[in-house]
Amino acid sequence: MSLFDSTQLALETALRGSSMRQELLTNNLANINTPGYQRQDLDFHSALKSAQASGVNPTEVSFRPTTDPTRTVRADGSGLDADQEAATLAKNTLEYQALVQVMGARTMIMQVAMGVR
């Protein structure tokens, strides 16, 4: 029997996906002035949702970054828009923080239930 239920495992996987996405988004911003750079992103929500719908253990979900080579936003061939990237990064940061808070609350509930808190 596992100490962690499917919700906790899904939260951990979502946290891993959000962290990976954060890294990709910050890399996009770091390359904002690189001619021809193509934007990378990660749709961890769909991957996790698909795994849950098919009964796959959330810990087995693997995430794959995507690029859209047909997306050109600037004259230098770059697929990046600084304002859009900053907004997407801020949204992902808030989501990451919310996941951490939910996981912390669940951990505290378990500690109280076990009488260690």
Protein backbone atom coordinates (compact mmCIF):
# COMPACT_ATOMS: atom_id res chain seq x y z
CA MET A 1 0.00 0.00 0.00
CA SER A 2 1.33 3.41 -0.95
CA LEU A 3 1.37 6.32 1.44
CA PHE A 4 0.49 8.66 -1.42
CA ASP A 5 -2.83 8.56 -3.24
CA SER A 6 -3.43 9.26 -6.92
CA THR A 7 -4.15 12.93 -6.18
CA GLN A 8 -0.80 13.41 -4.48
CA LEU A 9 1.00 11.61 -7.32
CA ALA A 10 -0.82 13.78 -9.88
CA LEU A 11 0.16 16.91 -7.95
CA GLU A 12 3.80 15.83 -7.90
CA THR A 13 3.70 15.15 -11.64
CA ALA A 14 2.04 18.51 -12.32
CA LEU A 15 4.73 20.19 -10.22
CA ARG A 16 7.42 18.43 -12.28
CA GLY A 17 5.70 19.52 -15.51
CA SER A 18 5.33 23.11 -14.34
CA SER A 19 8.99 23.19 -13.33
CA MET A 20 10.06 21.90 -16.74
CA ARG A 21 7.82 24.47 -18.42
CA GLN A 22 9.31 27.24 -16.27
CA GLU A 23 12.77 26.29 -17.48
CA LEU A 24 11.68 26.36 -21.13
CA LEU A 25 9.93 29.71 -20.74
CA THR A 26 12.91 31.33 -19.04
CA ASN A 27 15.10 29.94 -21.81
CA ASN A 28 12.78 31.57 -24.34
CA LEU A 29 13.19 34.93 -22.62
CA ALA A 30 16.95 34.48 -22.45
CA ASN A 31 16.94 34.03 -26.24
CA ILE A 32 14.56 36.88 -27.00
CA ASN A 33 17.17 38.62 -29.18
CA THR A 34 18.50 35.49 -30.88
CA PRO A 35 17.63 35.64 -34.59
CA GLY A 36 15.75 32.57 -35.78
CA TYR A 37 15.19 31.18 -32.29
CA GLN A 38 12.04 29.10 -32.08
CA ARG A 39 9.87 29.21 -29.00
CA GLN A 40 9.70 26.09 -26.84
CA ASP A 41 6.84 25.17 -24.55
CA LEU A 42 5.40 22.25 -22.66
CA ASP A 43 1.73 21.32 -22.38
CA PHE A 44 1.97 19.25 -19.22
CA HIS A 45 -1.75 19.68 -18.55
CA SER A 46 -2.75 17.64 -21.61
CA ALA A 47 -0.15 14.96 -20.96
CA LEU A 48 -1.30 14.53 -17.36
CA LYS A 49 -4.98 14.61 -18.29
CA SER A 50 -4.45 12.00 -21.00
CA ALA A 51 -2.54 9.74 -18.60
CA GLN A 52 -5.25 10.00 -15.96
CA ALA A 53 -7.98 9.27 -18.51
CA SER A 54 -6.18 6.13 -19.68
CA GLY A 55 -5.38 4.93 -16.16
CA VAL A 56 -1.62 5.46 -16.41
CA ASN A 57 0.17 6.05 -13.12
CA PRO A 58 0.96 9.81 -12.96
CA THR A 59 4.58 9.07 -12.03
CA GLU A 60 5.04 7.38 -15.43
CA VAL A 61 4.04 10.47 -17.42
CA SER A 62 6.86 11.83 -19.54
CA PHE A 63 6.83 15.37 -20.86
CA ARG A 64 8.14 16.46 -24.24
CA PRO A 65 8.84 20.09 -25.13
CA THR A 66 7.33 21.35 -28.37
CA THR A 67 8.33 23.98 -30.89
CA ASP A 68 6.37 25.50 -33.75
CA PRO A 69 8.84 26.07 -36.62
CA THR A 70 6.13 27.80 -38.68
CA ARG A 71 5.64 30.49 -36.02
CA THR A 72 7.55 33.65 -36.93
CA VAL A 73 6.72 36.74 -34.95
CA ARG A 74 9.60 39.04 -35.84
CA ALA A 75 11.45 40.04 -38.99
CA ASP A 76 14.64 38.28 -37.82
CA GLY A 77 12.82 34.92 -37.96
CA SER A 78 12.36 34.62 -34.22
CA GLY A 79 9.21 32.96 -32.92
CA LEU A 80 9.19 34.98 -29.71
CA ASP A 81 7.17 37.91 -28.45
CA ALA A 82 8.69 39.32 -25.24
CA ASP A 83 5.39 40.49 -23.74
CA GLN A 84 3.64 37.20 -24.44
CA GLU A 85 6.56 35.20 -23.02
CA ALA A 86 6.66 37.29 -19.84
CA ALA A 87 2.91 36.88 -19.33
CA THR A 88 3.08 33.12 -19.92
CA LEU A 89 6.01 32.86 -17.51
CA ALA A 90 4.11 34.81 -14.83
CA LYS A 91 1.05 32.59 -15.25
CA ASN A 92 3.15 29.44 -14.95
CA THR A 93 4.90 30.83 -11.86
CA LEU A 94 1.54 31.39 -10.16
CA GLU A 95 0.42 27.90 -11.08
CA TYR A 96 3.64 26.41 -9.69
CA GLN A 97 3.16 28.31 -6.43
CA ALA A 98 -0.45 27.10 -6.17
CA LEU A 99 0.66 23.49 -6.67
CA VAL A 100 3.27 23.86 -3.93
CA GLN A 101 0.66 25.32 -1.55
CA VAL A 102 -1.82 22.51 -2.22
CA MET A 103 0.87 19.88 -1.71
CA GLY A 104 1.93 21.57 1.54
CA ALA A 105 -1.65 21.65 2.81
CA ARG A 106 -2.12 17.97 2.00
CA THR A 107 1.12 17.12 3.81
CA MET A 108 0.00 19.07 6.87
CA ILE A 109 -3.34 17.25 6.86
CA MET A 110 -1.50 13.90 6.81
CA GLN A 111 0.77 15.02 9.66
CA VAL A 112 -2.22 16.06 11.76
CA ALA A 113 -3.95 12.77 11.01
CA MET A 114 -0.85 10.84 12.11
CA GLY A 115 -0.53 12.97 15.25
CA VAL A 116 2.93 14.30 14.43
CA ARG A 117 1.82 17.88 14.18
